């Protein structure tokens, strides 16, 4: 019988395993709700870890990249 005690894993490893499982499910045309749930759990956990270590979250980086893209496109319109 398998042990019912969860393995002792770091939060980072947990996030990686959630994301890998989500990718495997997606690639095998698995349940979309399970894929979304695992992906968001990994996203939340990794965002919190990044915050704890003083790093910008994926969401903050994405917004910053989008803002930069908008600025770049705006500047290209002003060029002769």
N, C-alpha and C. Protein backbone atom coordinates (compact mmCIF):
# COMPACT_ATOMS: atom_id res chain seq x y z
N UNK A 1 0.84 -1.18 0.00
CA UNK A 1 0.00 0.00 0.00
C UNK A 1 0.88 1.24 0.00
N UNK A 2 0.50 2.24 -0.78
CA UNK A 2 1.26 3.48 -0.87
C UNK A 2 1.08 4.29 0.41
N UNK A 3 2.11 5.04 0.73
CA UNK A 3 2.05 5.89 1.91
C UNK A 3 1.04 7.02 1.68
N UNK A 4 0.29 7.36 2.73
CA UNK A 4 -0.67 8.45 2.61
C UNK A 4 -0.05 9.78 3.02
N UNK A 5 1.19 9.75 3.51
CA UNK A 5 1.88 10.97 3.90
C UNK A 5 2.40 11.66 2.64
N UNK A 6 2.07 12.94 2.44
CA UNK A 6 2.56 13.63 1.25
C UNK A 6 4.09 13.73 1.30
N UNK A 7 4.71 13.72 0.14
CA UNK A 7 6.17 13.83 0.13
C UNK A 7 6.61 15.20 0.63
N UNK A 8 7.78 15.25 1.21
CA UNK A 8 8.32 16.52 1.69
C UNK A 8 8.99 17.22 0.52
N UNK A 9 8.29 18.15 -0.10
CA UNK A 9 8.82 18.87 -1.26
C UNK A 9 8.83 20.37 -0.96
N UNK A 10 9.74 21.06 -1.61
CA UNK A 10 9.82 22.51 -1.45
C UNK A 10 8.67 23.15 -2.22
N UNK A 11 8.31 24.38 -1.86
CA UNK A 11 7.27 25.08 -2.63
C UNK A 11 7.64 25.22 -4.11
N UNK A 12 8.92 25.44 -4.41
CA UNK A 12 9.35 25.54 -5.80
C UNK A 12 9.11 24.23 -6.54
N UNK A 13 9.50 23.12 -5.91
CA UNK A 13 9.31 21.82 -6.55
C UNK A 13 7.82 21.53 -6.74
N UNK A 14 7.00 21.93 -5.77
CA UNK A 14 5.55 21.73 -5.89
C UNK A 14 5.01 22.49 -7.10
N UNK A 15 5.45 23.74 -7.27
CA UNK A 15 4.99 24.53 -8.41
C UNK A 15 5.43 23.91 -9.74
N UNK A 16 6.67 23.45 -9.78
CA UNK A 16 7.17 22.81 -11.00
C UNK A 16 6.37 21.56 -11.31
N UNK A 17 6.11 20.73 -10.29
CA UNK A 17 5.37 19.50 -10.51
C UNK A 17 3.94 19.78 -10.95
N UNK A 18 3.32 20.83 -10.40
CA UNK A 18 1.97 21.21 -10.83
C UNK A 18 1.98 21.62 -12.29
N UNK A 19 2.95 22.42 -12.68
CA UNK A 19 3.01 22.89 -14.06
C UNK A 19 3.32 21.75 -15.03
N UNK A 20 4.22 20.87 -14.67
CA UNK A 20 4.53 19.71 -15.53
C UNK A 20 3.30 18.83 -15.69
N UNK A 21 2.57 18.62 -14.59
CA UNK A 21 1.34 17.82 -14.67
C UNK A 21 0.31 18.49 -15.57
N UNK A 22 0.19 19.81 -15.48
CA UNK A 22 -0.76 20.55 -16.32
C UNK A 22 -0.38 20.41 -17.79
N UNK A 23 0.91 20.52 -18.09
CA UNK A 23 1.37 20.38 -19.47
C UNK A 23 1.10 18.97 -19.98
N UNK A 24 1.39 17.96 -19.16
CA UNK A 24 1.12 16.57 -19.55
C UNK A 24 -0.37 16.35 -19.83
N UNK A 25 -1.22 16.87 -18.96
CA UNK A 25 -2.66 16.74 -19.17
C UNK A 25 -3.10 17.44 -20.45
N UNK A 26 -2.59 18.64 -20.66
CA UNK A 26 -2.96 19.41 -21.85
C UNK A 26 -2.52 18.67 -23.11
N UNK A 27 -1.29 18.16 -23.10
CA UNK A 27 -0.74 17.47 -24.28
C UNK A 27 -1.50 16.19 -24.59
N UNK A 28 -2.07 15.56 -23.57
CA UNK A 28 -2.81 14.32 -23.79
C UNK A 28 -4.31 14.57 -23.89
N UNK A 29 -4.69 15.83 -24.13
CA UNK A 29 -6.09 16.23 -24.26
C UNK A 29 -6.88 15.87 -23.00
N UNK A 30 -6.25 16.13 -21.84
CA UNK A 30 -6.89 15.84 -20.55
C UNK A 30 -7.96 16.86 -20.21
N UNK A 31 -8.52 16.70 -19.05
CA UNK A 31 -9.60 17.55 -18.56
C UNK A 31 -9.14 19.01 -18.49
N UNK A 32 -9.85 19.89 -19.18
CA UNK A 32 -9.48 21.31 -19.25
C UNK A 32 -9.55 21.98 -17.88
N UNK A 33 -10.51 21.58 -17.06
CA UNK A 33 -10.63 22.18 -15.72
C UNK A 33 -9.42 21.81 -14.87
N UNK A 34 -8.98 20.56 -14.95
CA UNK A 34 -7.80 20.12 -14.19
C UNK A 34 -6.55 20.85 -14.68
N UNK A 35 -6.43 21.02 -16.00
CA UNK A 35 -5.29 21.74 -16.56
C UNK A 35 -5.27 23.18 -16.02
N UNK A 36 -6.41 23.84 -16.07
CA UNK A 36 -6.50 25.22 -15.60
C UNK A 36 -6.20 25.30 -14.10
N UNK A 37 -6.76 24.40 -13.32
CA UNK A 37 -6.56 24.41 -11.87
C UNK A 37 -5.09 24.22 -11.51
N UNK A 38 -4.44 23.25 -12.13
CA UNK A 38 -3.02 23.01 -11.87
C UNK A 38 -2.16 24.19 -12.31
N UNK A 39 -2.49 24.76 -13.47
CA UNK A 39 -1.72 25.90 -13.97
C UNK A 39 -1.84 27.09 -13.04
N UNK A 40 -3.05 27.38 -12.59
CA UNK A 40 -3.24 28.53 -11.71
C UNK A 40 -2.63 28.30 -10.33
N UNK A 41 -2.65 27.07 -9.86
CA UNK A 41 -2.00 26.75 -8.58
C UNK A 41 -0.50 26.98 -8.69
N UNK A 42 0.10 26.53 -9.79
CA UNK A 42 1.53 26.74 -10.00
C UNK A 42 1.84 28.23 -10.14
N UNK A 43 0.98 28.95 -10.85
CA UNK A 43 1.16 30.39 -11.02
C UNK A 43 1.12 31.11 -9.67
N UNK A 44 0.14 30.78 -8.85
CA UNK A 44 -0.02 31.42 -7.54
C UNK A 44 1.19 31.13 -6.65
N UNK A 45 1.58 29.88 -6.60
CA UNK A 45 2.70 29.49 -5.75
C UNK A 45 4.00 30.14 -6.22
N UNK A 46 4.26 30.13 -7.51
CA UNK A 46 5.49 30.74 -8.02
C UNK A 46 5.47 32.26 -7.84
N UNK A 47 4.31 32.88 -7.98
CA UNK A 47 4.21 34.33 -7.76
C UNK A 47 4.52 34.68 -6.31
N UNK A 48 4.00 33.88 -5.38
CA UNK A 48 4.29 34.13 -3.96
C UNK A 48 5.76 33.93 -3.65
N UNK A 49 6.36 32.90 -4.24
CA UNK A 49 7.79 32.65 -4.02
C UNK A 49 8.62 33.81 -4.56
N UNK A 50 8.26 34.30 -5.73
CA UNK A 50 8.99 35.42 -6.31
C UNK A 50 8.86 36.65 -5.43
N UNK A 51 7.68 36.89 -4.89
CA UNK A 51 7.44 38.03 -4.01
C UNK A 51 8.28 37.91 -2.74
N UNK A 52 8.32 36.73 -2.16
CA UNK A 52 9.10 36.50 -0.94
C UNK A 52 10.58 36.81 -1.17
N UNK A 53 11.06 36.52 -2.38
CA UNK A 53 12.46 36.74 -2.69
C UNK A 53 12.73 38.10 -3.34
N UNK A 54 11.71 38.97 -3.30
CA UNK A 54 11.88 40.33 -3.80
C UNK A 54 11.91 40.45 -5.31
N UNK A 55 11.37 39.46 -6.01
CA UNK A 55 11.32 39.49 -7.47
C UNK A 55 9.94 39.89 -7.95
N UNK A 56 9.86 40.44 -9.14
CA UNK A 56 8.56 40.76 -9.72
C UNK A 56 7.84 39.47 -10.12
N UNK A 57 6.54 39.47 -9.96
CA UNK A 57 5.75 38.30 -10.34
C UNK A 57 5.64 38.23 -11.86
N UNK A 58 5.20 37.09 -12.37
CA UNK A 58 4.99 36.94 -13.81
C UNK A 58 3.99 37.97 -14.31
N UNK A 59 2.97 38.25 -13.50
CA UNK A 59 1.95 39.21 -13.90
C UNK A 59 2.57 40.61 -14.03
N UNK A 60 3.39 41.00 -13.06
CA UNK A 60 4.04 42.31 -13.13
C UNK A 60 4.98 42.40 -14.34
N UNK A 61 5.71 41.32 -14.61
CA UNK A 61 6.61 41.30 -15.76
C UNK A 61 5.85 41.38 -17.07
N UNK A 62 4.71 40.69 -17.14
CA UNK A 62 3.90 40.70 -18.35
C UNK A 62 3.33 42.09 -18.60
N UNK A 63 2.83 42.72 -17.56
CA UNK A 63 2.28 44.08 -17.69
C UNK A 63 3.39 45.03 -18.12
N UNK A 64 4.56 44.92 -17.51
CA UNK A 64 5.68 45.80 -17.86
C UNK A 64 6.10 45.59 -19.32
N UNK A 65 6.15 44.34 -19.76
CA UNK A 65 6.51 44.05 -21.15
C UNK A 65 5.48 44.62 -22.10
N UNK A 66 4.21 44.50 -21.74
CA UNK A 66 3.15 45.04 -22.60
C UNK A 66 3.25 46.56 -22.67
N UNK A 67 3.48 47.19 -21.53
CA UNK A 67 3.61 48.65 -21.52
C UNK A 67 4.80 49.09 -22.38
N UNK A 68 5.89 48.34 -22.30
CA UNK A 68 7.06 48.67 -23.12
C UNK A 68 6.74 48.52 -24.60
N UNK A 69 6.00 47.47 -24.94
CA UNK A 69 5.62 47.25 -26.33
C UNK A 69 4.74 48.39 -26.84
N UNK A 70 3.81 48.85 -26.01
CA UNK A 70 2.94 49.97 -26.39
C UNK A 70 3.77 51.23 -26.60
N UNK A 71 4.73 51.46 -25.72
CA UNK A 71 5.60 52.64 -25.84
C UNK A 71 6.41 52.55 -27.13
N UNK A 72 6.97 51.37 -27.40
CA UNK A 72 7.77 51.20 -28.62
C UNK A 72 6.92 51.42 -29.87
N UNK A 73 5.72 50.88 -29.90
CA UNK A 73 4.84 51.06 -31.06
C UNK A 73 4.47 52.53 -31.20
N UNK A 74 4.25 53.20 -30.09
CA UNK A 74 3.91 54.63 -30.12
C UNK A 74 5.04 55.45 -30.68
N UNK A 75 6.27 55.11 -30.30
CA UNK A 75 7.43 55.85 -30.79
C UNK A 75 7.65 55.61 -32.27
N UNK A 76 7.35 54.42 -32.75
CA UNK A 76 7.58 54.13 -34.17
C UNK A 76 6.61 54.91 -35.05
N UNK A 77 5.45 55.26 -34.52
CA UNK A 77 4.48 56.05 -35.29
C UNK A 77 4.95 57.50 -35.46
N UNK A 78 5.76 57.94 -34.49
CA UNK A 78 6.24 59.33 -34.53
C UNK A 78 7.46 59.48 -35.43
N UNK A 79 8.07 58.37 -35.77
CA UNK A 79 9.29 58.44 -36.59
C UNK A 79 8.92 58.84 -38.03
N UNK A 80 9.86 59.57 -38.69
CA UNK A 80 9.57 60.00 -40.08
C UNK A 80 9.53 58.84 -41.04
